[in-house]
Amino acid sequence: MTLFSDQPARREVAPGAVHLVSWLSLGQQQTLVRAFNEWSVGPVPMRSATVRSGYSMSVKTVCLGWHWQPYKYTRTADDVNGQPVAPFPEWLGDVARSVVAEAYGRAAAERYQPDAAMINYYDDLAKMGMHQDKDELVDEPVVSLSVGDTCRFRFGNIHNRNKPYTDIDLQSGDAFVFGGESRFAYHGVTKMFAHSADPAGGLENGRINITMRVTGKT
């Protein structure tokens, strides 16, 4: 069974930013939920990261390949339990390349070699402020998968957190990828829609967001 749909609806939100609607089937979402249940318990458990201001994020995160802590990547989770982060699975890289192929074409997908994933869990009240993904050493695309409840995703510009931006409702099964001109666009999650997902997807409450990226680290 493949982990991607054959004919997703494609929407280009901004140059290099592509929304693939209903990219994952219910069965494929269930596969990712089962994997999430394993990833979230270790060897480094899911936690709420603390940013420079001392604020603890409402989103909970577990990482694969490289451990992200504000604002760097490490092989060990020194801010949690000091354990080595779980490896980035090859099959997840294949999923990411499939998204890139759908968004940008096969040639771009063949070049794409993600080595890290951040898996974020949003409960009913969780949000994520507008930010840039810029802790990576390269500017390869970021690939995102959504499973569970719908969220209001705000995709902005590369200059600041203000307008212009576009609000998008990301539903369970959607994929989103941003690269090229939009690679360093500010983005965030402004609202969750509780109990909006089909429970047949495997997640009873909340939203899982799997984001894959190339760190450029060795």
N, C-alpha and C. Protein backbone atom coordinates (compact mmCIF):
# COMPACT_ATOMS: atom_id res chain seq x y z
N MET A 1 0.84 -1.20 0.00
CA MET A 1 0.00 0.00 0.00
C MET A 1 0.87 1.25 0.00
N THR A 2 0.60 2.17 -0.91
CA THR A 2 1.33 3.42 -0.90
C THR A 2 0.81 4.32 0.19
N LEU A 3 1.62 5.31 0.55
CA LEU A 3 1.23 6.23 1.60
C LEU A 3 0.80 7.57 1.03
N PHE A 4 0.30 7.58 -0.18
CA PHE A 4 -0.18 8.82 -0.75
C PHE A 4 -1.30 8.52 -1.74
N SER A 5 -2.17 9.50 -1.94
CA SER A 5 -3.29 9.35 -2.85
C SER A 5 -2.85 9.61 -4.28
N ASP A 6 -3.60 9.08 -5.26
CA ASP A 6 -3.21 9.20 -6.66
C ASP A 6 -3.56 10.55 -7.26
N GLN A 7 -4.68 11.15 -6.88
CA GLN A 7 -5.13 12.37 -7.52
C GLN A 7 -5.61 13.40 -6.50
N PRO A 8 -4.70 13.99 -5.73
CA PRO A 8 -5.11 15.02 -4.78
C PRO A 8 -5.44 16.32 -5.50
N ALA A 9 -6.32 17.11 -4.90
CA ALA A 9 -6.58 18.45 -5.40
C ALA A 9 -5.39 19.33 -5.05
N ARG A 10 -4.90 20.11 -6.03
CA ARG A 10 -3.67 20.89 -5.85
C ARG A 10 -4.00 22.37 -5.90
N ARG A 11 -3.49 23.12 -4.90
CA ARG A 11 -3.71 24.55 -4.85
C ARG A 11 -2.39 25.24 -4.53
N GLU A 12 -1.95 26.16 -5.38
CA GLU A 12 -0.74 26.93 -5.10
C GLU A 12 -1.13 28.19 -4.34
N VAL A 13 -0.76 28.24 -3.08
CA VAL A 13 -1.13 29.34 -2.19
C VAL A 13 -0.26 30.57 -2.44
N ALA A 14 1.02 30.33 -2.73
CA ALA A 14 2.01 31.36 -3.03
C ALA A 14 3.08 30.68 -3.87
N PRO A 15 3.96 31.45 -4.53
CA PRO A 15 5.00 30.81 -5.33
C PRO A 15 5.84 29.83 -4.49
N GLY A 16 5.78 28.55 -4.85
CA GLY A 16 6.51 27.54 -4.11
C GLY A 16 5.78 26.94 -2.94
N ALA A 17 4.58 27.42 -2.62
CA ALA A 17 3.78 26.91 -1.51
C ALA A 17 2.54 26.21 -2.06
N VAL A 18 2.45 24.90 -1.85
CA VAL A 18 1.42 24.09 -2.48
C VAL A 18 0.63 23.32 -1.43
N HIS A 19 -0.69 23.42 -1.52
CA HIS A 19 -1.61 22.70 -0.65
C HIS A 19 -2.22 21.55 -1.44
N LEU A 20 -2.02 20.32 -0.95
CA LEU A 20 -2.58 19.12 -1.57
C LEU A 20 -3.71 18.62 -0.69
N VAL A 21 -4.93 18.75 -1.17
CA VAL A 21 -6.13 18.45 -0.38
C VAL A 21 -6.42 16.95 -0.43
N SER A 22 -6.71 16.38 0.74
CA SER A 22 -7.08 14.95 0.85
C SER A 22 -6.03 14.05 0.23
N TRP A 23 -4.79 14.34 0.52
CA TRP A 23 -3.68 13.57 -0.06
C TRP A 23 -3.56 12.18 0.56
N LEU A 24 -3.95 12.03 1.82
CA LEU A 24 -3.89 10.74 2.50
C LEU A 24 -5.29 10.16 2.64
N SER A 25 -5.41 8.87 2.38
CA SER A 25 -6.67 8.18 2.63
C SER A 25 -6.83 7.93 4.14
N LEU A 26 -8.01 7.45 4.55
CA LEU A 26 -8.21 7.13 5.96
C LEU A 26 -7.24 6.04 6.42
N GLY A 27 -7.03 5.04 5.59
CA GLY A 27 -6.11 3.97 5.96
C GLY A 27 -4.68 4.47 6.11
N GLN A 28 -4.28 5.36 5.26
CA GLN A 28 -2.94 5.92 5.33
C GLN A 28 -2.78 6.81 6.56
N GLN A 29 -3.84 7.53 6.92
CA GLN A 29 -3.81 8.31 8.15
C GLN A 29 -3.67 7.40 9.36
N GLN A 30 -4.36 6.29 9.35
CA GLN A 30 -4.25 5.33 10.46
C GLN A 30 -2.82 4.84 10.62
N THR A 31 -2.14 4.61 9.49
CA THR A 31 -0.74 4.18 9.55
C THR A 31 0.11 5.22 10.26
N LEU A 32 -0.09 6.49 9.95
CA LEU A 32 0.69 7.55 10.57
C LEU A 32 0.33 7.72 12.05
N VAL A 33 -0.92 7.51 12.41
CA VAL A 33 -1.30 7.60 13.83
C VAL A 33 -0.63 6.49 14.63
N ARG A 34 -0.60 5.28 14.09
CA ARG A 34 0.08 4.18 14.79
C ARG A 34 1.56 4.49 14.96
N ALA A 35 2.18 5.03 13.93
CA ALA A 35 3.60 5.39 14.04
C ALA A 35 3.79 6.49 15.08
N PHE A 36 2.90 7.47 15.08
CA PHE A 36 2.98 8.56 16.06
C PHE A 36 2.90 8.02 17.48
N ASN A 37 2.04 7.06 17.72
CA ASN A 37 1.91 6.50 19.07
C ASN A 37 3.21 5.87 19.54
N GLU A 38 3.99 5.32 18.63
CA GLU A 38 5.29 4.76 18.98
C GLU A 38 6.33 5.88 19.17
N TRP A 39 6.36 6.84 18.24
CA TRP A 39 7.34 7.92 18.33
C TRP A 39 7.17 8.74 19.60
N SER A 40 5.94 8.92 20.05
CA SER A 40 5.67 9.87 21.13
C SER A 40 6.14 9.41 22.50
N VAL A 41 6.50 8.12 22.63
CA VAL A 41 6.90 7.61 23.94
C VAL A 41 8.40 7.36 24.08
N GLY A 42 9.16 7.58 23.02
CA GLY A 42 10.59 7.42 23.22
C GLY A 42 11.33 6.91 22.01
N PRO A 43 12.67 6.95 22.16
CA PRO A 43 13.45 7.12 23.39
C PRO A 43 13.40 8.52 24.00
N VAL A 44 13.03 9.52 23.19
CA VAL A 44 12.80 10.87 23.73
C VAL A 44 11.30 11.12 23.66
N PRO A 45 10.63 11.28 24.78
CA PRO A 45 9.18 11.43 24.76
C PRO A 45 8.74 12.80 24.25
N MET A 46 7.50 12.87 23.83
CA MET A 46 6.90 14.12 23.39
C MET A 46 6.90 15.12 24.53
N ARG A 47 7.19 16.40 24.21
CA ARG A 47 7.23 17.42 25.25
C ARG A 47 6.87 18.78 24.66
N SER A 48 6.62 19.76 25.53
CA SER A 48 6.40 21.14 25.13
C SER A 48 7.72 21.89 25.22
N ALA A 49 8.20 22.40 24.10
CA ALA A 49 9.47 23.12 24.09
C ALA A 49 9.31 24.50 24.73
N THR A 50 10.40 25.00 25.28
CA THR A 50 10.41 26.33 25.89
C THR A 50 11.26 27.26 25.04
N VAL A 51 10.69 28.38 24.61
CA VAL A 51 11.40 29.32 23.75
C VAL A 51 12.19 30.31 24.60
N ARG A 52 12.94 31.20 23.92
CA ARG A 52 13.87 32.09 24.62
C ARG A 52 13.20 32.96 25.68
N SER A 53 11.96 33.34 25.42
CA SER A 53 11.25 34.20 26.37
C SER A 53 10.84 33.48 27.64
N GLY A 54 11.06 32.15 27.67
CA GLY A 54 10.63 31.35 28.81
C GLY A 54 9.23 30.80 28.65
N TYR A 55 8.60 31.11 27.53
CA TYR A 55 7.25 30.64 27.25
C TYR A 55 7.27 29.18 26.82
N SER A 56 6.42 28.36 27.42
CA SER A 56 6.30 26.96 27.04
C SER A 56 5.22 26.83 25.97
N MET A 57 5.59 26.26 24.83
CA MET A 57 4.67 26.17 23.71
C MET A 57 3.46 25.30 24.06
N SER A 58 2.30 25.68 23.54
CA SER A 58 1.09 24.88 23.78
C SER A 58 1.09 23.62 22.93
N VAL A 59 1.88 23.60 21.88
CA VAL A 59 2.04 22.43 21.02
C VAL A 59 3.09 21.49 21.64
N LYS A 60 2.82 20.20 21.61
CA LYS A 60 3.79 19.22 22.08
C LYS A 60 4.50 18.59 20.89
N THR A 61 5.79 18.31 21.05
CA THR A 61 6.63 17.90 19.92
C THR A 61 7.47 16.68 20.25
N VAL A 62 7.64 15.81 19.27
CA VAL A 62 8.63 14.75 19.32
C VAL A 62 9.35 14.75 17.97
N CYS A 63 10.63 14.42 17.97
CA CYS A 63 11.45 14.57 16.77
C CYS A 63 12.06 13.24 16.34
N LEU A 64 12.38 13.17 15.05
CA LEU A 64 13.06 12.03 14.46
C LEU A 64 14.27 12.52 13.69
N GLY A 65 15.36 11.76 13.74
CA GLY A 65 16.54 12.12 12.98
C GLY A 65 17.43 13.12 13.69
N TRP A 66 16.90 14.29 13.91
CA TRP A 66 17.56 15.33 14.70
C TRP A 66 16.55 15.86 15.70
N HIS A 67 17.01 16.16 16.89
CA HIS A 67 16.16 16.74 17.92
C HIS A 67 16.20 18.26 17.81
N TRP A 68 15.01 18.86 17.70
CA TRP A 68 14.94 20.32 17.65
C TRP A 68 14.63 20.87 19.03
N GLN A 69 15.47 21.81 19.43
CA GLN A 69 15.15 22.62 20.60
C GLN A 69 15.45 24.06 20.22
N PRO A 70 14.67 24.97 20.73
CA PRO A 70 14.89 26.36 20.30
C PRO A 70 16.32 26.79 20.60
N TYR A 71 17.10 27.10 19.61
CA TYR A 71 16.81 27.20 18.18
C TYR A 71 17.92 26.48 17.45
N LYS A 72 17.99 25.17 17.62
CA LYS A 72 19.06 24.38 17.04
C LYS A 72 18.65 22.92 16.95
N TYR A 73 19.43 22.16 16.16
CA TYR A 73 19.25 20.73 16.04
C TYR A 73 20.42 20.01 16.71
N THR A 74 20.12 18.96 17.44
CA THR A 74 21.15 18.14 18.08
C THR A 74 20.78 16.67 17.92
N ARG A 75 21.76 15.81 18.08
CA ARG A 75 21.50 14.37 17.99
C ARG A 75 20.95 13.81 19.30
N THR A 76 21.20 14.50 20.40
CA THR A 76 20.67 14.07 21.70
C THR A 76 19.73 15.15 22.23
N ALA A 77 18.74 14.69 22.99
CA ALA A 77 17.73 15.61 23.53
C ALA A 77 18.19 16.16 24.87
N ASP A 78 19.13 17.09 24.82
CA ASP A 78 19.73 17.60 26.05
C ASP A 78 18.76 18.40 26.91
N ASP A 79 17.68 18.89 26.32
CA ASP A 79 16.68 19.65 27.07
C ASP A 79 15.55 18.76 27.61
N VAL A 80 15.64 17.46 27.34
CA VAL A 80 14.59 16.53 27.80
C VAL A 80 15.19 15.47 28.72
N ASN A 81 15.85 14.46 28.13
CA ASN A 81 16.41 13.38 28.95
C ASN A 81 17.82 12.98 28.52
N GLY A 82 18.40 13.71 27.59
CA GLY A 82 19.76 13.43 27.15
C GLY A 82 19.92 12.23 26.25
N GLN A 83 18.82 11.60 25.87
CA GLN A 83 18.88 10.40 25.05
C GLN A 83 19.03 10.74 23.57
N PRO A 84 19.63 9.84 22.79
CA PRO A 84 19.69 10.04 21.34
C PRO A 84 18.29 10.03 20.74
N VAL A 85 18.08 10.90 19.79
CA VAL A 85 16.77 10.97 19.14
C VAL A 85 16.56 9.73 18.28
N ALA A 86 15.31 9.32 18.12
CA ALA A 86 14.99 8.17 17.27
C ALA A 86 15.37 8.47 15.82
N PRO A 87 15.78 7.47 15.07
CA PRO A 87 16.21 7.70 13.68
C PRO A 87 15.05 8.15 12.80
N PHE A 88 15.41 8.85 11.75
CA PHE A 88 14.43 9.26 10.73
C PHE A 88 14.19 8.06 9.80
N PRO A 89 12.97 7.55 9.73
CA PRO A 89 12.74 6.32 8.96
C PRO A 89 12.76 6.57 7.45
N GLU A 90 13.32 5.62 6.73
CA GLU A 90 13.43 5.75 5.27
C GLU A 90 12.06 5.87 4.62
N TRP A 91 11.07 5.15 5.13
CA TRP A 91 9.75 5.19 4.50
C TRP A 91 9.11 6.57 4.62
N LEU A 92 9.45 7.30 5.69
CA LEU A 92 8.90 8.64 5.85
C LEU A 92 9.53 9.59 4.83
N GLY A 93 10.81 9.37 4.54
CA GLY A 93 11.45 10.14 3.48
C GLY A 93 10.80 9.89 2.13
N ASP A 94 10.38 8.65 1.89
CA ASP A 94 9.68 8.33 0.64
C ASP A 94 8.35 9.09 0.57
N VAL A 95 7.65 9.18 1.70
CA VAL A 95 6.40 9.94 1.73
C VAL A 95 6.67 11.40 1.38
N ALA A 96 7.70 11.99 1.99
CA ALA A 96 8.03 13.38 1.74
C ALA A 96 8.36 13.61 0.26
N ARG A 97 9.12 12.70 -0.34
CA ARG A 97 9.47 12.84 -1.75
C ARG A 97 8.24 12.74 -2.65
N SER A 98 7.27 11.93 -2.23
CA SER A 98 6.03 11.83 -3.00
C SER A 98 5.27 13.15 -2.99
N VAL A 99 5.26 13.83 -1.85
CA VAL A 99 4.63 15.15 -1.78
C VAL A 99 5.36 16.14 -2.67
N VAL A 100 6.69 16.13 -2.59
CA VAL A 100 7.49 17.04 -3.41
C VAL A 100 7.26 16.77 -4.90
N ALA A 101 7.16 15.51 -5.28
CA ALA A 101 6.90 15.17 -6.68
C ALA A 101 5.57 15.74 -7.13
N GLU A 102 4.55 15.64 -6.28
CA GLU A 102 3.24 16.17 -6.63
C GLU A 102 3.26 17.69 -6.73
N ALA A 103 4.05 18.32 -5.87
CA ALA A 103 4.08 19.78 -5.84
C ALA A 103 4.98 20.39 -6.90
N TYR A 104 6.18 19.80 -7.09
CA TYR A 104 7.20 20.42 -7.92
C TYR A 104 7.68 19.58 -9.09
N GLY A 105 7.31 18.30 -9.12
CA GLY A 105 7.77 17.44 -10.19
C GLY A 105 8.77 16.41 -9.71
N ARG A 106 8.96 15.38 -10.54
CA ARG A 106 9.78 14.24 -10.14
C ARG A 106 11.26 14.60 -9.97
N ALA A 107 11.78 15.50 -10.79
CA ALA A 107 13.19 15.85 -10.68
C ALA A 107 13.50 16.46 -9.32
N ALA A 108 12.62 17.35 -8.86
CA ALA A 108 12.80 17.95 -7.54
C ALA A 108 12.72 16.91 -6.45
N ALA A 109 11.81 15.95 -6.62
CA ALA A 109 11.64 14.90 -5.60
C ALA A 109 12.88 14.02 -5.50
N GLU A 110 13.52 13.74 -6.62
CA GLU A 110 14.70 12.88 -6.60
C GLU A 110 15.85 13.54 -5.85
N ARG A 111 15.88 14.86 -5.85
CA ARG A 111 16.95 15.58 -5.14
C ARG A 111 16.66 15.75 -3.65
N TYR A 112 15.43 15.52 -3.25
CA TYR A 112 15.00 15.85 -1.89
C TYR A 112 15.36 14.71 -0.93
N GLN A 113 16.19 15.02 0.07
CA GLN A 113 16.66 14.01 1.02
C GLN A 113 16.45 14.51 2.45
N PRO A 114 15.23 14.47 2.97
CA PRO A 114 14.99 14.94 4.33
C PRO A 114 15.68 14.06 5.35
N ASP A 115 16.15 14.67 6.43
CA ASP A 115 16.84 13.90 7.47
C ASP A 115 16.28 14.17 8.85
N ALA A 116 15.19 14.93 8.94
CA ALA A 116 14.60 15.23 10.25
C ALA A 116 13.09 15.41 10.10
N ALA A 117 12.38 15.05 11.15
CA ALA A 117 10.95 15.30 11.21
C ALA A 117 10.61 15.84 12.59
N MET A 118 9.77 16.85 12.61
CA MET A 118 9.17 17.34 13.84
C MET A 118 7.70 16.96 13.81
N ILE A 119 7.27 16.20 14.80
CA ILE A 119 5.88 15.78 14.87
C ILE A 119 5.23 16.56 15.99
N ASN A 120 4.31 17.44 15.62
CA ASN A 120 3.64 18.31 16.59
C ASN A 120 2.23 17.80 16.86
N TYR A 121 1.86 17.79 18.14
CA TYR A 121 0.50 17.42 18.53
C TYR A 121 -0.21 18.65 19.08
N TYR A 122 -1.38 18.96 18.49
CA TYR A 122 -2.21 20.09 18.90
C TYR A 122 -3.46 19.56 19.61
N ASP A 123 -3.69 20.02 20.84
CA ASP A 123 -4.98 19.73 21.46
C ASP A 123 -5.97 20.82 21.05
N ASP A 124 -7.15 20.82 21.66
CA ASP A 124 -8.21 21.73 21.22
C ASP A 124 -7.82 23.21 21.33
N LEU A 125 -6.95 23.55 22.27
CA LEU A 125 -6.63 24.95 22.54
C LEU A 125 -5.26 25.37 22.02
N ALA A 126 -4.52 24.44 21.44
CA ALA A 126 -3.15 24.74 21.03
C ALA A 126 -3.12 25.69 19.82
N LYS A 127 -2.09 26.49 19.79
CA LYS A 127 -1.83 27.39 18.67
C LYS A 127 -0.32 27.42 18.42
N MET A 128 0.07 28.00 17.30
CA MET A 128 1.48 28.24 17.04
C MET A 128 1.63 29.62 16.42
N GLY A 129 2.44 30.46 17.06
CA GLY A 129 2.62 31.81 16.58
C GLY A 129 3.33 31.86 15.24
N MET A 130 3.20 32.99 14.56
CA MET A 130 3.84 33.16 13.26
C MET A 130 5.36 33.12 13.43
N HIS A 131 6.01 32.31 12.61
CA HIS A 131 7.45 32.09 12.73
C HIS A 131 8.01 31.66 11.38
N GLN A 132 9.31 31.72 11.24
CA GLN A 132 10.01 31.18 10.08
C GLN A 132 10.72 29.89 10.47
N ASP A 133 10.78 28.94 9.56
CA ASP A 133 11.61 27.75 9.77
C ASP A 133 12.99 28.08 9.20
N LYS A 134 13.90 28.50 10.07
CA LYS A 134 15.20 28.96 9.59
C LYS A 134 16.37 28.42 10.41
N ASP A 135 16.14 27.36 11.17
CA ASP A 135 17.23 26.75 11.92
C ASP A 135 18.00 25.74 11.07
N GLU A 136 17.52 25.46 9.88
CA GLU A 136 18.22 24.57 8.96
C GLU A 136 19.36 25.35 8.28
N LEU A 137 20.36 24.62 7.81
CA LEU A 137 21.51 25.24 7.17
C LEU A 137 21.35 25.33 5.65
N VAL A 138 20.26 24.80 5.14
CA VAL A 138 19.97 24.83 3.71
C VAL A 138 18.53 25.31 3.51
N ASP A 139 18.17 25.56 2.25
CA ASP A 139 16.84 26.10 1.98
C ASP A 139 15.95 25.12 1.22
N GLU A 140 16.13 23.83 1.49
CA GLU A 140 15.28 22.82 0.87
C GLU A 140 13.85 22.93 1.41
N PRO A 141 12.84 22.46 0.66
CA PRO A 141 11.44 22.62 1.08
C PRO A 141 11.12 21.94 2.41
N VAL A 142 10.08 22.44 3.05
CA VAL A 142 9.49 21.81 4.23
C VAL A 142 8.20 21.12 3.79
N VAL A 143 8.04 19.86 4.17
CA VAL A 143 6.87 19.07 3.81
C VAL A 143 6.06 18.79 5.06
N SER A 144 4.75 19.02 4.98
CA SER A 144 3.88 18.90 6.15
C SER A 144 2.70 17.99 5.83
N LEU A 145 2.36 17.10 6.79
CA LEU A 145 1.18 16.25 6.71
C LEU A 145 0.29 16.51 7.91
N SER A 146 -1.02 16.55 7.68
CA SER A 146 -1.99 16.79 8.76
C SER A 146 -2.87 15.56 8.96
N VAL A 147 -3.04 15.17 10.22
CA VAL A 147 -3.94 14.07 10.57
C VAL A 147 -4.73 14.48 11.79
N GLY A 148 -6.06 14.29 11.76
CA GLY A 148 -6.88 14.62 12.92
C GLY A 148 -7.72 15.86 12.67
N ASP A 149 -7.93 16.63 13.72
CA ASP A 149 -8.82 17.79 13.64
C ASP A 149 -8.29 18.85 12.69
N THR A 150 -9.21 19.59 12.10
CA THR A 150 -8.87 20.69 11.20
C THR A 150 -8.27 21.85 11.98
N CYS A 151 -7.30 22.53 11.36
CA CYS A 151 -6.74 23.73 11.96
C CYS A 151 -6.84 24.89 10.97
N ARG A 152 -6.81 26.10 11.49
CA ARG A 152 -6.71 27.30 10.66
C ARG A 152 -5.22 27.65 10.56
N PHE A 153 -4.66 27.44 9.38
CA PHE A 153 -3.24 27.63 9.11
C PHE A 153 -3.07 28.97 8.41
N ARG A 154 -2.17 29.78 8.93
CA ARG A 154 -1.92 31.11 8.34
C ARG A 154 -0.56 31.09 7.65
N PHE A 155 -0.57 31.33 6.34
CA PHE A 155 0.67 31.34 5.57
C PHE A 155 0.93 32.75 5.08
N GLY A 156 2.06 33.32 5.54
CA GLY A 156 2.32 34.72 5.31
C GLY A 156 3.39 35.00 4.28
N ASN A 157 4.10 36.11 4.49
CA ASN A 157 5.14 36.56 3.58
C ASN A 157 6.52 36.34 4.21
N ILE A 158 7.57 36.60 3.45
CA ILE A 158 8.93 36.32 3.93
C ILE A 158 9.52 37.48 4.72
N HIS A 159 8.81 38.61 4.82
CA HIS A 159 9.39 39.80 5.41
C HIS A 159 9.04 40.01 6.88
N ASN A 160 7.79 39.72 7.26
CA ASN A 160 7.35 39.96 8.63
C ASN A 160 6.12 39.13 8.93
N ARG A 161 5.60 39.26 10.16
CA ARG A 161 4.45 38.47 10.60
C ARG A 161 3.11 39.09 10.21
N ASN A 162 3.14 40.22 9.56
CA ASN A 162 1.92 40.95 9.23
C ASN A 162 1.39 40.57 7.85
N LYS A 163 0.33 41.23 7.42
CA LYS A 163 -0.20 41.00 6.09
C LYS A 163 0.82 41.40 5.04
N PRO A 164 0.78 40.79 3.86
CA PRO A 164 -0.26 39.85 3.39
C PRO A 164 -0.04 38.43 3.89
N TYR A 165 -1.13 37.76 4.18
CA TYR A 165 -1.10 36.33 4.50
C TYR A 165 -2.40 35.70 4.02
N THR A 166 -2.38 34.38 3.96
CA THR A 166 -3.54 33.61 3.53
C THR A 166 -3.91 32.62 4.61
N ASP A 167 -5.18 32.58 4.98
CA ASP A 167 -5.67 31.60 5.96
C ASP A 167 -6.24 30.39 5.22
N ILE A 168 -5.80 29.23 5.65
CA ILE A 168 -6.18 27.97 5.01
C ILE A 168 -6.65 27.01 6.09
N ASP A 169 -7.72 26.31 5.86
CA ASP A 169 -8.14 25.25 6.77
C ASP A 169 -7.50 23.94 6.32
N LEU A 170 -6.54 23.46 7.10
CA LEU A 170 -5.89 22.18 6.81
C LEU A 170 -6.69 21.08 7.50
N GLN A 171 -7.17 20.14 6.71
CA GLN A 171 -7.99 19.05 7.21
C GLN A 171 -7.19 17.76 7.28
N SER A 172 -7.76 16.78 7.94
CA SER A 172 -7.09 15.50 8.08
C SER A 172 -6.86 14.89 6.70
N GLY A 173 -5.60 14.51 6.44
CA GLY A 173 -5.24 13.95 5.16
C GLY A 173 -4.59 14.93 4.22
N ASP A 174 -4.60 16.22 4.55
CA ASP A 174 -3.98 17.23 3.68
C ASP A 174 -2.47 17.20 3.80
N ALA A 175 -1.81 17.59 2.71
CA ALA A 175 -0.37 17.83 2.71
C ALA A 175 -0.12 19.27 2.30
N PHE A 176 0.98 19.82 2.79
CA PHE A 176 1.36 21.19 2.44
C PHE A 176 2.88 21.22 2.33
N VAL A 177 3.38 21.87 1.28
CA VAL A 177 4.83 21.96 1.10
C VAL A 177 5.17 23.39 0.71
N PHE A 178 6.25 23.92 1.30
CA PHE A 178 6.68 25.26 0.90
C PHE A 178 8.20 25.30 0.72
N GLY A 179 8.59 25.84 -0.42
CA GLY A 179 9.99 25.96 -0.78
C GLY A 179 10.15 27.11 -1.76
N GLY A 180 11.32 27.18 -2.38
CA GLY A 180 11.56 28.23 -3.37
C GLY A 180 11.37 29.61 -2.78
N GLU A 181 10.60 30.45 -3.46
CA GLU A 181 10.38 31.82 -3.01
C GLU A 181 9.69 31.89 -1.66
N SER A 182 8.96 30.85 -1.29
CA SER A 182 8.19 30.86 -0.04
C SER A 182 8.85 30.08 1.09
N ARG A 183 10.08 29.61 0.88
CA ARG A 183 10.70 28.75 1.88
C ARG A 183 10.78 29.40 3.26
N PHE A 184 11.04 30.70 3.32
CA PHE A 184 11.18 31.36 4.61
C PHE A 184 9.98 32.26 4.94
N ALA A 185 8.83 31.90 4.41
CA ALA A 185 7.61 32.63 4.74
C ALA A 185 7.22 32.38 6.20
N TYR A 186 6.72 33.42 6.86
CA TYR A 186 6.17 33.26 8.20
C TYR A 186 4.88 32.46 8.11
N HIS A 187 4.65 31.61 9.11
CA HIS A 187 3.46 30.77 9.11
C HIS A 187 3.13 30.38 10.54
N GLY A 188 1.89 30.00 10.78
CA GLY A 188 1.48 29.59 12.12
C GLY A 188 0.09 28.98 12.10
N VAL A 189 -0.36 28.57 13.26
CA VAL A 189 -1.70 27.99 13.43
C VAL A 189 -2.46 28.88 14.40
N THR A 190 -3.56 29.45 13.94
CA THR A 190 -4.31 30.42 14.76
C THR A 190 -5.49 29.82 15.50
N LYS A 191 -5.95 28.64 15.06
CA LYS A 191 -7.17 28.10 15.66
C LYS A 191 -7.28 26.61 15.37
N MET A 192 -7.82 25.87 16.34
CA MET A 192 -8.17 24.47 16.15
C MET A 192 -9.69 24.32 16.13
N PHE A 193 -10.17 23.38 15.33
CA PHE A 193 -11.60 23.07 15.27
C PHE A 193 -11.79 21.71 15.92
N ALA A 194 -12.17 21.73 17.18
CA ALA A 194 -12.24 20.50 17.98
C ALA A 194 -13.25 19.51 17.40
N HIS A 195 -12.88 18.24 17.44
CA HIS A 195 -13.76 17.13 17.06
C HIS A 195 -14.28 17.28 15.63
N SER A 196 -13.45 17.81 14.75
CA SER A 196 -13.86 18.02 13.36
C SER A 196 -13.44 16.87 12.44
N ALA A 197 -12.56 15.99 12.93
CA ALA A 197 -12.05 14.92 12.07
C ALA A 197 -12.92 13.67 12.15
N ASP A 198 -12.86 12.88 11.10
CA ASP A 198 -13.50 11.57 11.09
C ASP A 198 -12.68 10.65 12.00
N PRO A 199 -13.25 10.14 13.09
CA PRO A 199 -12.48 9.26 13.99
C PRO A 199 -11.97 8.01 13.30
N ALA A 200 -12.52 7.67 12.14
CA ALA A 200 -12.04 6.51 11.40
C ALA A 200 -10.59 6.68 10.96
N GLY A 201 -10.10 7.93 10.95
CA GLY A 201 -8.71 8.18 10.61
C GLY A 201 -7.74 7.71 11.66
N GLY A 202 -8.25 7.37 12.86
CA GLY A 202 -7.40 6.78 13.88
C GLY A 202 -7.06 7.67 15.05
N LEU A 203 -7.34 8.97 14.93
CA LEU A 203 -7.02 9.89 16.02
C LEU A 203 -8.32 10.38 16.65
N GLU A 204 -8.52 10.08 17.93
CA GLU A 204 -9.78 10.42 18.59
C GLU A 204 -9.89 11.91 18.88
N ASN A 205 -8.77 12.52 19.27
CA ASN A 205 -8.80 13.94 19.63
C ASN A 205 -7.53 14.61 19.13
N GLY A 206 -7.65 15.90 18.78
CA GLY A 206 -6.48 16.70 18.46
C GLY A 206 -6.00 16.51 17.03
N ARG A 207 -4.83 17.07 16.78
CA ARG A 207 -4.24 17.07 15.43
C ARG A 207 -2.77 16.70 15.52
N ILE A 208 -2.33 15.83 14.61
CA ILE A 208 -0.92 15.54 14.42
C ILE A 208 -0.45 16.25 13.17
N ASN A 209 0.64 16.98 13.29
CA ASN A 209 1.26 17.62 12.13
C ASN A 209 2.70 17.09 12.02
N ILE A 210 2.98 16.39 10.94
CA ILE A 210 4.31 15.84 10.71
C ILE A 210 5.01 16.73 9.70
N THR A 211 6.09 17.40 10.11
CA THR A 211 6.83 18.25 9.19
C THR A 211 8.22 17.66 8.98
N MET A 212 8.60 17.55 7.71
CA MET A 212 9.89 16.98 7.35
C MET A 212 10.73 18.03 6.65
N ARG A 213 12.02 18.00 6.97
CA ARG A 213 12.90 19.00 6.41
C ARG A 213 14.32 18.47 6.29
N VAL A 214 15.15 19.19 5.52
CA VAL A 214 16.57 18.87 5.36
C VAL A 214 17.35 19.84 6.26
N THR A 215 18.08 19.32 7.24
CA THR A 215 18.78 20.21 8.18
C THR A 215 20.06 20.78 7.59
N GLY A 216 20.70 20.03 6.71
CA GLY A 216 22.02 20.44 6.21
C GLY A 216 23.14 20.12 7.17
N LYS A 217 22.83 19.45 8.28
CA LYS A 217 23.82 19.09 9.28
C LYS A 217 24.40 17.71 8.99
N THR A 218 25.60 17.46 9.52
CA THR A 218 26.21 16.15 9.36
C THR A 218 26.61 15.61 10.73
